[in-house]
Amino acid sequence: MSKRTLEKILKGLSDKNIKFRELRETLLELGFAERVKGDHHIFTKDKIIEIINIQPLKDGNAKAYQVKQIRNLILKYKLHREVKDV
């Protein structure tokens, strides 16, 4: 994950233009564990109550409302501070 991707997510100016692949890689880089069931990618992490369930759109982008949910989660738990400069 690049720092640029995380910045795009946190700014919230282009939620409709975040690629699903980038969103998934960001969650993995932040230390989430992933399991896949069909097209549902389910992410969990110790000390985080919420479970993240995301699905790609047909065009390869992430769903805007899911990007917003993840942004809120990153800010709530201050996960953006764990990311190293890449």
Protein backbone atom coordinates (compact mmCIF):
# COMPACT_ATOMS: atom_id res chain seq x y z
CA MET A 1 0.00 0.00 0.00
CA SER A 2 1.25 3.42 -0.72
CA LYS A 3 0.82 6.33 1.60
CA ARG A 4 -0.96 8.01 -1.30
CA THR A 5 -3.75 5.41 -1.24
CA LEU A 6 -4.29 5.91 2.47
CA GLU A 7 -4.36 9.68 1.96
CA LYS A 8 -7.02 9.27 -0.77
CA ILE A 9 -9.14 7.20 1.60
CA LEU A 10 -8.73 9.62 4.50
CA LYS A 11 -9.46 12.76 2.45
CA GLY A 12 -12.82 11.39 1.33
CA LEU A 13 -12.83 13.35 -1.91
CA SER A 14 -12.83 10.35 -4.25
CA ASP A 15 -14.64 7.49 -2.51
CA LYS A 16 -16.15 6.39 -5.83
CA ASN A 17 -12.70 6.20 -7.43
CA ILE A 18 -10.90 3.94 -4.97
CA LYS A 19 -9.97 0.62 -6.53
CA PHE A 20 -11.12 -2.44 -4.58
CA ARG A 21 -7.60 -3.86 -4.85
CA GLU A 22 -6.14 -0.73 -3.23
CA LEU A 23 -8.71 -0.79 -0.42
CA ARG A 24 -8.02 -4.47 0.25
CA GLU A 25 -4.24 -3.94 0.27
CA THR A 26 -4.65 -1.02 2.67
CA LEU A 27 -6.58 -3.16 5.14
CA LEU A 28 -3.96 -5.91 4.95
CA GLU A 29 -1.17 -3.38 5.47
CA LEU A 30 -3.00 -2.05 8.53
CA GLY A 31 -2.82 -5.55 10.04
CA PHE A 32 -6.28 -6.91 9.33
CA ALA A 33 -6.77 -10.63 8.76
CA GLU A 34 -8.80 -11.54 5.68
CA ARG A 35 -11.09 -14.40 4.83
CA VAL A 36 -13.03 -14.69 1.62
CA LYS A 37 -16.47 -16.19 1.10
CA GLY A 38 -17.65 -15.79 -2.47
CA ASP A 39 -17.09 -12.16 -3.38
CA HIS A 40 -17.25 -11.07 0.27
CA HIS A 41 -13.89 -10.15 1.78
CA ILE A 42 -14.19 -10.15 5.56
CA PHE A 43 -11.55 -8.42 7.66
CA THR A 44 -10.94 -8.63 11.39
CA LYS A 45 -8.28 -7.28 13.71
CA ASP A 46 -7.49 -7.73 17.39
CA LYS A 47 -8.85 -4.97 19.63
CA ILE A 48 -11.25 -3.78 16.93
CA ILE A 49 -14.87 -4.68 17.58
CA GLU A 50 -16.20 -4.02 14.09
CA ILE A 51 -15.96 -6.59 11.33
CA ILE A 52 -15.35 -5.19 7.84
CA ASN A 53 -17.18 -6.86 4.97
CA ILE A 54 -16.43 -5.48 1.50
CA GLN A 55 -17.29 -6.54 -2.04
CA PRO A 56 -15.94 -5.23 -5.35
CA LEU A 57 -18.08 -3.54 -7.95
CA LYS A 58 -18.08 -4.99 -11.46
CA ASP A 59 -15.77 -2.20 -12.67
CA GLY A 60 -13.11 -3.09 -10.08
CA ASN A 61 -13.81 -0.16 -7.79
CA ALA A 62 -14.75 -0.32 -4.14
CA LYS A 63 -18.23 0.69 -3.03
CA ALA A 64 -18.19 4.33 -1.91
CA TYR A 65 -20.14 3.69 1.30
CA GLN A 66 -17.69 0.94 2.28
CA VAL A 67 -14.73 3.28 1.73
CA LYS A 68 -16.46 5.77 4.04
CA GLN A 69 -17.03 3.09 6.70
CA ILE A 70 -13.37 2.08 6.54
CA ARG A 71 -12.23 5.72 6.72
CA ASN A 72 -14.34 6.20 9.87
CA LEU A 73 -12.87 3.03 11.37
CA ILE A 74 -9.29 4.09 10.58
CA LEU A 75 -9.88 7.45 12.24
CA LYS A 76 -11.79 6.00 15.22
CA TYR A 77 -8.96 3.60 16.11
CA LYS A 78 -6.18 5.94 14.89
CA LEU A 79 -4.87 3.20 12.57
CA HIS A 80 -3.37 5.74 10.14
CA ARG A 81 -0.63 6.37 12.71
CA GLU A 82 0.55 2.76 12.33
CA VAL A 83 1.38 3.17 8.63
CA LYS A 84 5.01 3.66 7.74
CA ASP A 85 6.04 5.97 4.92
CA VAL A 86 6.34 3.96 1.72
